[in-house]
Amino acid sequence: MTPWVEALQKVGWVGLGGFLGANARYWLGGWIQARWGASFPWSTFVINITGSFILGLFVTLITERFVLRHALTYRLIIAIGFVGAYTTFSTFEYETLALVTTSAWARAFGNAFGSLIAGFLAVWLGVILGRWL
């Protein structure tokens, strides 16, 4: 396979994962917002935390637990494509700013530091689960 074709194939795998991740984010985000409301950015919070968990679990599984024949392909699809499109730092930042500009200081603080702490715990738990499996 030529380097150009191999590069195109990798872009295709990332695109597939990105398509799936973006759609998962869209549907799950809408479902969460419809049930929990928009007074706090729950959809972005839940998506970023679950994405952190998925990334921690997946990377641990493919780097420490299992030798996969096509590990790079799975990494392109899941870690880069899916999780990259599923989670979003820019939306998190914008929603935190929106809370600040409306003087919802407690919610802004809860979103910023809650996301940081919960995201760290989620990725850590994903790594622990990956090592346990």
Protein backbone atom coordinates (compact mmCIF):
# COMPACT_ATOMS: atom_id res chain seq x y z
CA MET A 1 0.00 0.00 0.00
CA THR A 2 1.37 3.42 -0.88
CA PRO A 3 1.90 6.03 1.86
CA TRP A 4 -0.76 8.23 0.28
CA VAL A 5 -3.38 5.46 0.31
CA GLU A 6 -2.42 4.52 3.87
CA ALA A 7 -2.81 8.14 4.99
CA LEU A 8 -6.21 8.37 3.32
CA GLN A 9 -7.29 5.17 5.01
CA LYS A 10 -6.30 6.60 8.41
CA VAL A 11 -8.28 9.76 7.71
CA GLY A 12 -11.26 7.57 6.83
CA TRP A 13 -11.03 5.71 10.15
CA VAL A 14 -10.85 8.98 12.10
CA GLY A 15 -13.81 10.28 10.06
CA LEU A 16 -15.87 7.18 10.83
CA GLY A 17 -15.18 7.51 14.55
CA GLY A 18 -15.86 11.24 14.39
CA PHE A 19 -19.19 10.66 12.65
CA LEU A 20 -20.24 8.20 15.35
CA GLY A 21 -18.97 10.38 18.21
CA ALA A 22 -20.60 13.57 16.94
CA ASN A 23 -23.92 11.81 16.49
CA ALA A 24 -23.69 10.16 19.90
CA ARG A 25 -23.05 13.60 21.41
CA TYR A 26 -25.95 15.14 19.52
CA TRP A 27 -28.48 12.48 20.53
CA LEU A 28 -27.31 12.00 24.12
CA GLY A 29 -26.98 15.76 24.66
CA GLY A 30 -30.51 16.36 23.44
CA TRP A 31 -31.87 13.54 25.58
CA ILE A 32 -30.12 14.86 28.72
CA GLN A 33 -31.21 18.45 28.13
CA ALA A 34 -34.82 17.39 27.56
CA ARG A 35 -34.85 15.54 30.88
CA TRP A 36 -32.69 17.73 33.13
CA GLY A 37 -33.26 21.18 31.61
CA ALA A 38 -30.86 23.91 30.58
CA SER A 39 -30.29 25.76 33.87
CA PHE A 40 -26.97 23.90 34.17
CA PRO A 41 -25.02 22.50 31.20
CA TRP A 42 -25.65 18.88 32.22
CA SER A 43 -25.38 17.48 28.71
CA THR A 44 -21.86 18.81 28.15
CA PHE A 45 -20.87 17.82 31.69
CA VAL A 46 -22.08 14.22 31.33
CA ILE A 47 -20.66 13.85 27.83
CA ASN A 48 -17.22 15.14 28.81
CA ILE A 49 -17.10 12.94 31.92
CA THR A 50 -18.22 9.80 30.10
CA GLY A 51 -15.79 10.63 27.28
CA SER A 52 -12.96 10.88 29.82
CA PHE A 53 -13.92 7.48 31.19
CA ILE A 54 -14.12 5.93 27.72
CA LEU A 55 -10.71 7.33 26.77
CA GLY A 56 -9.04 6.14 29.98
CA LEU A 57 -10.55 2.68 29.65
CA PHE A 58 -9.88 2.27 25.96
CA VAL A 59 -6.28 3.50 25.92
CA THR A 60 -5.45 1.33 28.93
CA LEU A 61 -7.00 -1.72 27.31
CA ILE A 62 -5.11 -1.34 24.04
CA THR A 63 -1.78 -0.33 25.58
CA GLU A 64 -1.59 -2.44 28.73
CA ARG A 65 -4.04 -5.33 28.59
CA PHE A 66 -4.59 -6.60 25.09
CA VAL A 67 -2.36 -6.96 22.10
CA LEU A 68 -4.61 -6.09 19.20
CA ARG A 69 -3.64 -6.82 15.65
CA HIS A 70 -5.05 -3.53 14.43
CA ALA A 71 -4.49 -1.38 17.55
CA LEU A 72 -3.68 1.74 15.53
CA THR A 73 -6.92 1.44 13.57
CA TYR A 74 -8.96 1.11 16.78
CA ARG A 75 -7.11 4.06 18.28
CA LEU A 76 -7.88 6.17 15.20
CA ILE A 77 -11.56 5.21 15.30
CA ILE A 78 -12.22 5.35 19.04
CA ALA A 79 -9.65 7.50 20.83
CA ILE A 80 -9.14 10.14 18.16
CA GLY A 81 -12.32 10.01 16.08
CA PHE A 82 -15.13 8.99 18.44
CA VAL A 83 -13.95 10.52 21.72
CA GLY A 84 -12.55 13.58 19.93
CA ALA A 85 -15.93 14.34 18.36
CA TYR A 86 -17.99 13.17 21.34
CA THR A 87 -16.37 15.43 23.93
CA THR A 88 -15.93 19.16 23.68
CA PHE A 89 -13.77 21.57 25.58
CA SER A 90 -14.92 24.67 23.70
CA THR A 91 -18.60 24.11 24.54
CA PHE A 92 -17.66 23.56 28.17
CA GLU A 93 -15.78 26.86 28.21
CA TYR A 94 -18.56 28.76 26.44
CA GLU A 95 -21.24 27.43 28.77
CA THR A 96 -19.14 28.36 31.80
CA LEU A 97 -18.74 31.89 30.40
CA ALA A 98 -22.50 32.09 29.82
CA LEU A 99 -23.07 31.24 33.48
CA VAL A 100 -20.56 33.89 34.56
CA THR A 101 -22.12 36.59 32.37
CA THR A 102 -25.52 35.92 33.97
CA SER A 103 -23.94 36.08 37.45
CA ALA A 104 -24.69 32.41 38.11
CA TRP A 105 -21.39 32.18 39.97
CA ALA A 106 -22.13 29.00 41.91
CA ARG A 107 -23.18 27.16 38.76
CA ALA A 108 -20.14 28.46 36.85
CA PHE A 109 -17.84 27.36 39.66
CA GLY A 110 -19.63 24.00 39.88
CA ASN A 111 -19.31 23.47 36.14
CA ALA A 112 -15.64 24.45 35.94
CA PHE A 113 -14.32 22.64 38.98
CA GLY A 114 -16.87 19.83 38.90
CA SER A 115 -15.86 19.04 35.32
CA LEU A 116 -12.17 19.12 36.21
CA ILE A 117 -12.51 16.85 39.23
CA ALA A 118 -15.14 14.51 37.78
CA GLY A 119 -13.25 14.26 34.46
CA PHE A 120 -10.03 13.36 36.26
CA LEU A 121 -11.82 10.76 38.39
CA ALA A 122 -13.55 9.34 35.32
CA VAL A 123 -10.34 8.90 33.31
CA TRP A 124 -8.66 7.42 36.40
CA LEU A 125 -11.53 4.95 36.93
CA GLY A 126 -11.36 4.03 33.24
CA VAL A 127 -7.66 3.24 33.60
CA ILE A 128 -8.31 1.21 36.77
CA LEU A 129 -11.10 -0.76 35.08
CA GLY A 130 -8.93 -1.30 32.01
CA ARG A 131 -6.13 -2.68 34.17
CA TRP A 132 -8.54 -4.87 36.11
CA LEU A 133 -9.98 -6.39 32.94
